[in-house]
Amino acid sequence: MSSLVNPLQPFTRVVRFLWAATAVGFAFGALMTLYQSLTFQLCFTTSRVLSSGPVRPEEYRNVVSTYPTGTRICLAEATWWDQVLGFLGHAPSAFATAGAFLLLVLLLEHATRHGIHTDATADRVRRFGWYLLVALPATTLVEAVARTWLQRRATVVPSYAMDFLTEWDFPWWAVVTGLGMLSLAKIVRTSAAMREELEGTV
């Protein structure tokens, strides 16, 4: 009977749990990053393989470990700007993911209180779709540029203007889901109009 009263359950509970877990995980990660930046050397991983053979010390200013799929660089004496770039190299997408869960929680709670087939719900679904389309790709792009910039500061190997594209982990799932949310918003708006017509007829 409760499922008939609130058809959005248990999905709302799951999303609320994921939002809480994401917020706690992000806060813990931010504290750990701050602690490591104050007590340890700054390390980051780039997808670019900087050396296919033994590491040549003259090409690097810092400690480097090469792997078949990338390179891990540790800055022994990182500046404050290196720390900023290191933070921007992984934190923005965590912010964006937490924001996506928060928007989804607010959307579901609004739909639970005011109904699914309303113009206000359609507007919230549309905003959520645009958020996924813009925020997630933009934040992962910022991370790619930050990691590439940090790599240039840490090494003296040749680099190119478009190197950030190899670092860009493009969130295709966010684009596909965002487009789906925009289509769903149109469906909800149409159903809201039909509901108003039926209520007016009755």
C-alpha atoms as a PDB file:
ATOM      1  CA  MET A   1       0.000   0.000   0.000  1.00  0.00           C
ATOM      2  CA  SER A   2       2.866   2.339   0.809  1.00  0.00           C
ATOM      3  CA  SER A   3       4.298   1.792  -2.674  1.00  0.00           C
ATOM      4  CA  LEU A   4       1.028   3.098  -4.098  1.00  0.00           C
ATOM      5  CA  VAL A   5       1.116   6.154  -1.871  1.00  0.00           C
ATOM      6  CA  ASN A   6       4.712   6.945  -2.737  1.00  0.00           C
ATOM      7  CA  PRO A   7       5.805   5.302  -6.017  1.00  0.00           C
ATOM      8  CA  LEU A   8       9.257   6.925  -5.729  1.00  0.00           C
ATOM      9  CA  GLN A   9      10.259   4.611  -2.895  1.00  0.00           C
ATOM     10  CA  PRO A  10      12.632   2.850  -2.350  1.00  0.00           C
ATOM     11  CA  PHE A  11      14.555   4.819  -4.994  1.00  0.00           C
ATOM     12  CA  THR A  12      14.444   7.998  -2.897  1.00  0.00           C
ATOM     13  CA  ARG A  13      15.976   6.190   0.090  1.00  0.00           C
ATOM     14  CA  VAL A  14      18.770   4.762  -2.074  1.00  0.00           C
ATOM     15  CA  VAL A  15      19.613   8.172  -3.563  1.00  0.00           C
ATOM     16  CA  ARG A  16      19.523   9.811  -0.135  1.00  0.00           C
ATOM     17  CA  PHE A  17      21.954   7.149   1.152  1.00  0.00           C
ATOM     18  CA  LEU A  18      24.262   7.655  -1.844  1.00  0.00           C
ATOM     19  CA  TRP A  19      24.203  11.416  -1.282  1.00  0.00           C
ATOM     20  CA  ALA A  20      25.174  10.970   2.378  1.00  0.00           C
ATOM     21  CA  ALA A  21      27.916   8.474   1.502  1.00  0.00           C
ATOM     22  CA  THR A  22      29.284  10.766  -1.202  1.00  0.00           C
ATOM     23  CA  ALA A  23      29.301  13.781   1.126  1.00  0.00           C
ATOM     24  CA  VAL A  24      31.088  11.849   3.885  1.00  0.00           C
ATOM     25  CA  GLY A  25      33.574  10.335   1.436  1.00  0.00           C
ATOM     26  CA  PHE A  26      34.325  13.706  -0.113  1.00  0.00           C
ATOM     27  CA  ALA A  27      34.836  15.355   3.271  1.00  0.00           C
ATOM     28  CA  PHE A  28      37.193  12.560   4.323  1.00  0.00           C
ATOM     29  CA  GLY A  29      39.074  12.773   1.031  1.00  0.00           C
ATOM     30  CA  ALA A  30      39.441  16.544   1.341  1.00  0.00           C
ATOM     31  CA  LEU A  31      40.857  16.190   4.856  1.00  0.00           C
ATOM     32  CA  MET A  32      43.291  13.496   3.731  1.00  0.00           C
ATOM     33  CA  THR A  33      44.412  15.632   0.785  1.00  0.00           C
ATOM     34  CA  LEU A  34      44.996  18.597   3.073  1.00  0.00           C
ATOM     35  CA  TYR A  35      46.907  16.424   5.554  1.00  0.00           C
ATOM     36  CA  GLN A  36      49.095  14.895   2.851  1.00  0.00           C
ATOM     37  CA  SER A  37      49.821  18.282   1.301  1.00  0.00           C
ATOM     38  CA  LEU A  38      51.055  19.547   4.656  1.00  0.00           C
ATOM     39  CA  THR A  39      53.056  16.492   5.685  1.00  0.00           C
ATOM     40  CA  PHE A  40      54.043  14.571   2.544  1.00  0.00           C
ATOM     41  CA  GLN A  41      55.255  15.251  -0.970  1.00  0.00           C
ATOM     42  CA  LEU A  42      52.672  15.839  -3.678  1.00  0.00           C
ATOM     43  CA  CYS A  43      52.126  12.832  -5.960  1.00  0.00           C
ATOM     44  CA  PHE A  44      49.897  12.568  -9.006  1.00  0.00           C
ATOM     45  CA  THR A  45      49.358  10.190 -11.900  1.00  0.00           C
ATOM     46  CA  THR A  46      49.255  11.118 -15.570  1.00  0.00           C
ATOM     47  CA  SER A  47      47.973   8.853 -18.328  1.00  0.00           C
ATOM     48  CA  ARG A  48      50.862   9.902 -20.553  1.00  0.00           C
ATOM     49  CA  VAL A  49      53.784   7.462 -20.589  1.00  0.00           C
ATOM     50  CA  LEU A  50      56.729   9.844 -20.323  1.00  0.00           C
ATOM     51  CA  SER A  51      59.407   7.227 -20.841  1.00  0.00           C
ATOM     52  CA  SER A  52      59.114   3.855 -22.497  1.00  0.00           C
ATOM     53  CA  GLY A  53      62.442   2.657 -21.149  1.00  0.00           C
ATOM     54  CA  PRO A  54      64.570   3.349 -18.076  1.00  0.00           C
ATOM     55  CA  VAL A  55      63.958   6.745 -16.534  1.00  0.00           C
ATOM     56  CA  ARG A  56      66.489   9.311 -17.709  1.00  0.00           C
ATOM     57  CA  PRO A  57      67.156  11.610 -14.739  1.00  0.00           C
ATOM     58  CA  GLU A  58      68.066  14.598 -16.899  1.00  0.00           C
ATOM     59  CA  GLU A  59      64.473  14.756 -18.187  1.00  0.00           C
ATOM     60  CA  TYR A  60      62.860  14.969 -14.769  1.00  0.00           C
ATOM     61  CA  ARG A  61      63.000  17.324 -11.857  1.00  0.00           C
ATOM     62  CA  ASN A  62      61.306  14.939  -9.420  1.00  0.00           C
ATOM     63  CA  VAL A  63      60.782  11.282  -8.582  1.00  0.00           C
ATOM     64  CA  VAL A  64      59.087   9.433 -11.447  1.00  0.00           C
ATOM     65  CA  SER A  65      57.706   5.904 -11.745  1.00  0.00           C
ATOM     66  CA  THR A  66      56.710   4.747 -15.237  1.00  0.00           C
ATOM     67  CA  TYR A  67      54.059   2.115 -15.967  1.00  0.00           C
ATOM     68  CA  PRO A  68      52.674   0.702 -19.229  1.00  0.00           C
ATOM     69  CA  THR A  69      49.521   2.820 -18.889  1.00  0.00           C
ATOM     70  CA  GLY A  70      50.894   6.019 -17.375  1.00  0.00           C
ATOM     71  CA  THR A  71      53.379   7.775 -15.145  1.00  0.00           C
ATOM     72  CA  ARG A  72      53.319   8.628 -11.450  1.00  0.00           C
ATOM     73  CA  ILE A  73      55.209  11.760 -10.451  1.00  0.00           C
ATOM     74  CA  CYS A  74      56.029  12.893  -6.927  1.00  0.00           C
ATOM     75  CA  LEU A  75      57.113  16.466  -6.273  1.00  0.00           C
ATOM     76  CA  ALA A  76      59.645  16.544  -3.470  1.00  0.00           C
ATOM     77  CA  GLU A  77      59.283  20.311  -2.967  1.00  0.00           C
ATOM     78  CA  ALA A  78      55.816  21.251  -4.177  1.00  0.00           C
ATOM     79  CA  THR A  79      54.924  24.942  -4.226  1.00  0.00           C
ATOM     80  CA  TRP A  80      51.541  26.283  -3.143  1.00  0.00           C
ATOM     81  CA  TRP A  81      50.525  26.517  -6.815  1.00  0.00           C
ATOM     82  CA  ASP A  82      51.482  22.859  -7.302  1.00  0.00           C
ATOM     83  CA  GLN A  83      49.229  22.024  -4.357  1.00  0.00           C
ATOM     84  CA  VAL A  84      46.377  23.974  -5.943  1.00  0.00           C
ATOM     85  CA  LEU A  85      46.831  22.162  -9.241  1.00  0.00           C
ATOM     86  CA  GLY A  86      47.018  18.833  -7.425  1.00  0.00           C
ATOM     87  CA  PHE A  87      43.728  19.594  -5.701  1.00  0.00           C
ATOM     88  CA  LEU A  88      42.107  20.690  -8.959  1.00  0.00           C
ATOM     89  CA  GLY A  89      43.369  17.497 -10.571  1.00  0.00           C
ATOM     90  CA  HIS A  90      40.854  15.323  -8.735  1.00  0.00           C
ATOM     91  CA  ALA A  91      38.485  17.352  -6.529  1.00  0.00           C
ATOM     92  CA  PRO A  92      36.113  19.112  -9.001  1.00  0.00           C
ATOM     93  CA  SER A  93      34.426  15.923 -10.217  1.00  0.00           C
ATOM     94  CA  ALA A  94      33.816  14.883  -6.609  1.00  0.00           C
ATOM     95  CA  PHE A  95      32.094  18.222  -6.000  1.00  0.00           C
ATOM     96  CA  ALA A  96      30.033  17.764  -9.161  1.00  0.00           C
ATOM     97  CA  THR A  97      29.033  14.202  -8.286  1.00  0.00           C
ATOM     98  CA  ALA A  98      27.952  15.233  -4.798  1.00  0.00           C
ATOM     99  CA  GLY A  99      25.982  18.113  -6.329  1.00  0.00           C
ATOM    100  CA  ALA A 100      24.273  15.723  -8.752  1.00  0.00           C
ATOM    101  CA  PHE A 101      23.141  13.480  -5.904  1.00  0.00           C
ATOM    102  CA  LEU A 102      21.908  16.508  -3.959  1.00  0.00           C
ATOM    103  CA  LEU A 103      19.878  17.776  -6.927  1.00  0.00           C
ATOM    104  CA  LEU A 104      18.419  14.317  -7.421  1.00  0.00           C
ATOM    105  CA  VAL A 105      17.453  14.051  -3.750  1.00  0.00           C
ATOM    106  CA  LEU A 106      15.749  17.463  -3.871  1.00  0.00           C
ATOM    107  CA  LEU A 107      13.987  16.477  -7.095  1.00  0.00           C
ATOM    108  CA  LEU A 108      12.632  13.241  -5.633  1.00  0.00           C
ATOM    109  CA  GLU A 109      11.541  14.890  -2.393  1.00  0.00           C
ATOM    110  CA  HIS A 110       9.724  17.628  -4.335  1.00  0.00           C
ATOM    111  CA  ALA A 111       8.003  15.029  -6.510  1.00  0.00           C
ATOM    112  CA  THR A 112       6.987  13.095  -3.407  1.00  0.00           C
ATOM    113  CA  ARG A 113       5.410  16.135  -1.761  1.00  0.00           C
ATOM    114  CA  HIS A 114       3.837  17.837  -4.780  1.00  0.00           C
ATOM    115  CA  GLY A 115       3.367  15.022  -7.266  1.00  0.00           C
ATOM    116  CA  ILE A 116       5.210  13.725 -10.306  1.00  0.00           C
ATOM    117  CA  HIS A 117       2.970  15.150 -13.015  1.00  0.00           C
ATOM    118  CA  THR A 118       3.495  18.861 -12.343  1.00  0.00           C
ATOM    119  CA  ASP A 119       5.222  21.689 -14.180  1.00  0.00           C
ATOM    120  CA  ALA A 120       7.483  22.319 -11.179  1.00  0.00           C
ATOM    121  CA  THR A 121       8.684  18.718 -11.244  1.00  0.00           C
ATOM    122  CA  ALA A 122       9.315  18.979 -14.984  1.00  0.00           C
ATOM    123  CA  ASP A 123      11.413  22.109 -14.392  1.00  0.00           C
ATOM    124  CA  ARG A 124      13.493  20.325 -11.767  1.00  0.00           C
ATOM    125  CA  VAL A 125      14.029  17.330 -14.038  1.00  0.00           C
ATOM    126  CA  ARG A 126      15.147  19.694 -16.820  1.00  0.00           C
ATOM    127  CA  ARG A 127      17.581  21.517 -14.513  1.00  0.00           C
ATOM    128  CA  PHE A 128      18.992  18.192 -13.373  1.00  0.00           C
ATOM    129  CA  GLY A 129      19.506  17.154 -16.986  1.00  0.00           C
ATOM    130  CA  TRP A 130      21.346  20.375 -17.859  1.00  0.00           C
ATOM    131  CA  TYR A 131      23.474  19.995 -14.742  1.00  0.00           C
ATOM    132  CA  LEU A 132      24.612  16.543 -15.873  1.00  0.00           C
ATOM    133  CA  LEU A 133      25.250  17.800 -19.390  1.00  0.00           C
ATOM    134  CA  VAL A 134      27.357  20.785 -18.318  1.00  0.00           C
ATOM    135  CA  ALA A 135      28.796  20.306 -14.823  1.00  0.00           C
ATOM    136  CA  LEU A 136      30.259  16.804 -15.118  1.00  0.00           C
ATOM    137  CA  PRO A 137      32.084  17.321 -18.461  1.00  0.00           C
ATOM    138  CA  ALA A 138      33.290  20.768 -17.343  1.00  0.00           C
ATOM    139  CA  THR A 139      34.731  19.541 -14.046  1.00  0.00           C
ATOM    140  CA  THR A 140      36.505  16.575 -15.631  1.00  0.00           C
ATOM    141  CA  LEU A 141      37.949  18.992 -18.206  1.00  0.00           C
ATOM    142  CA  VAL A 142      39.252  21.207 -15.396  1.00  0.00           C
ATOM    143  CA  GLU A 143      40.866  18.153 -13.822  1.00  0.00           C
ATOM    144  CA  ALA A 144      42.524  17.172 -17.109  1.00  0.00           C
ATOM    145  CA  VAL A 145      43.928  20.666 -17.652  1.00  0.00           C
ATOM    146  CA  ALA A 146      45.179  20.835 -14.045  1.00  0.00           C
ATOM    147  CA  ARG A 147      46.961  17.474 -14.289  1.00  0.00           C
ATOM    148  CA  THR A 148      48.519  18.441 -17.624  1.00  0.00           C
ATOM    149  CA  TRP A 149      49.691  21.774 -16.243  1.00  0.00           C
ATOM    150  CA  LEU A 150      51.114  20.061 -13.185  1.00  0.00           C
ATOM    151  CA  GLN A 151      52.931  17.601 -15.432  1.00  0.00           C
ATOM    152  CA  ARG A 152      54.513  20.485 -17.358  1.00  0.00           C
ATOM    153  CA  ARG A 153      55.695  22.066 -14.127  1.00  0.00           C
ATOM    154  CA  ALA A 154      57.099  18.783 -12.848  1.00  0.00           C
ATOM    155  CA  THR A 155      58.991  17.674 -15.959  1.00  0.00           C
ATOM    156  CA  VAL A 156      61.043  19.170 -18.748  1.00  0.00           C
ATOM    157  CA  VAL A 157      60.011  16.651 -21.404  1.00  0.00           C
ATOM    158  CA  PRO A 158      58.345  18.093 -24.537  1.00  0.00           C
ATOM    159  CA  SER A 159      54.642  18.848 -24.137  1.00  0.00           C
ATOM    160  CA  TYR A 160      51.946  20.057 -26.492  1.00  0.00           C
ATOM    161  CA  ALA A 161      48.900  22.287 -26.224  1.00  0.00           C
ATOM    162  CA  MET A 162      46.405  19.436 -26.689  1.00  0.00           C
ATOM    163  CA  ASP A 163      48.002  17.032 -24.225  1.00  0.00           C
ATOM    164  CA  PHE A 164      45.088  17.585 -21.838  1.00  0.00           C
ATOM    165  CA  LEU A 165      42.861  15.549 -24.176  1.00  0.00           C
ATOM    166  CA  THR A 166      44.734  12.386 -23.202  1.00  0.00           C
ATOM    167  CA  GLU A 167      43.984  13.164 -19.553  1.00  0.00           C
ATOM    168  CA  TRP A 168      40.301  13.977 -20.095  1.00  0.00           C
ATOM    169  CA  ASP A 169      38.161  11.163 -18.712  1.00  0.00           C
ATOM    170  CA  PHE A 170      35.009  12.304 -20.508  1.00  0.00           C
ATOM    171  CA  PRO A 171      31.844  11.288 -18.592  1.00  0.00           C
ATOM    172  CA  TRP A 172      29.765   9.852 -21.424  1.00  0.00           C
ATOM    173  CA  TRP A 173      27.308   8.448 -18.886  1.00  0.00           C
ATOM    174  CA  ALA A 174      26.518  11.976 -17.691  1.00  0.00           C
ATOM    175  CA  VAL A 175      25.863  13.213 -21.227  1.00  0.00           C
ATOM    176  CA  VAL A 176      23.587  10.281 -22.075  1.00  0.00           C
ATOM    177  CA  THR A 177      21.756  10.534 -18.749  1.00  0.00           C
ATOM    178  CA  GLY A 178      21.434  14.321 -19.092  1.00  0.00           C
ATOM    179  CA  LEU A 179      19.876  13.994 -22.523  1.00  0.00           C
ATOM    180  CA  GLY A 180      17.530  11.382 -21.115  1.00  0.00           C
ATOM    181  CA  MET A 181      16.527  13.738 -18.307  1.00  0.00           C
ATOM    182  CA  LEU A 182      15.746  16.517 -20.803  1.00  0.00           C
ATOM    183  CA  SER A 183      13.501  14.134 -22.739  1.00  0.00           C
ATOM    184  CA  LEU A 184      11.883  12.976 -19.498  1.00  0.00           C
ATOM    185  CA  ALA A 185      11.230  16.597 -18.533  1.00  0.00           C
ATOM    186  CA  LYS A 186       9.247  17.076 -21.749  1.00  0.00           C
ATOM    187  CA  ILE A 187       7.268  13.922 -21.006  1.00  0.00           C
ATOM    188  CA  VAL A 188       6.500  15.061 -17.462  1.00  0.00           C
ATOM    189  CA  ARG A 189       5.438  18.495 -18.704  1.00  0.00           C
ATOM    190  CA  THR A 190       3.126  16.896 -21.267  1.00  0.00           C
ATOM    191  CA  SER A 191       1.622  14.604 -18.635  1.00  0.00           C
ATOM    192  CA  ALA A 192       1.149  17.609 -16.334  1.00  0.00           C
ATOM    193  CA  ALA A 193      -0.791  19.415 -19.055  1.00  0.00           C
ATOM    194  CA  MET A 194      -2.945  16.324 -19.665  1.00  0.00           C
ATOM    195  CA  ARG A 195      -3.595  16.055 -15.933  1.00  0.00           C
ATOM    196  CA  GLU A 196      -4.760  19.672 -15.787  1.00  0.00           C
ATOM    197  CA  GLU A 197      -7.076  19.074 -18.758  1.00  0.00           C
ATOM    198  CA  LEU A 198      -8.562  15.998 -17.108  1.00  0.00           C
ATOM    199  CA  GLU A 199      -9.056  17.797 -13.820  1.00  0.00           C
ATOM    200  CA  GLY A 200     -10.714  20.674 -15.675  1.00  0.00           C
ATOM    201  CA  THR A 201     -13.003  18.256 -17.486  1.00  0.00           C
ATOM    202  CA  VAL A 202     -14.034  16.505 -14.295  1.00  0.00           C
END
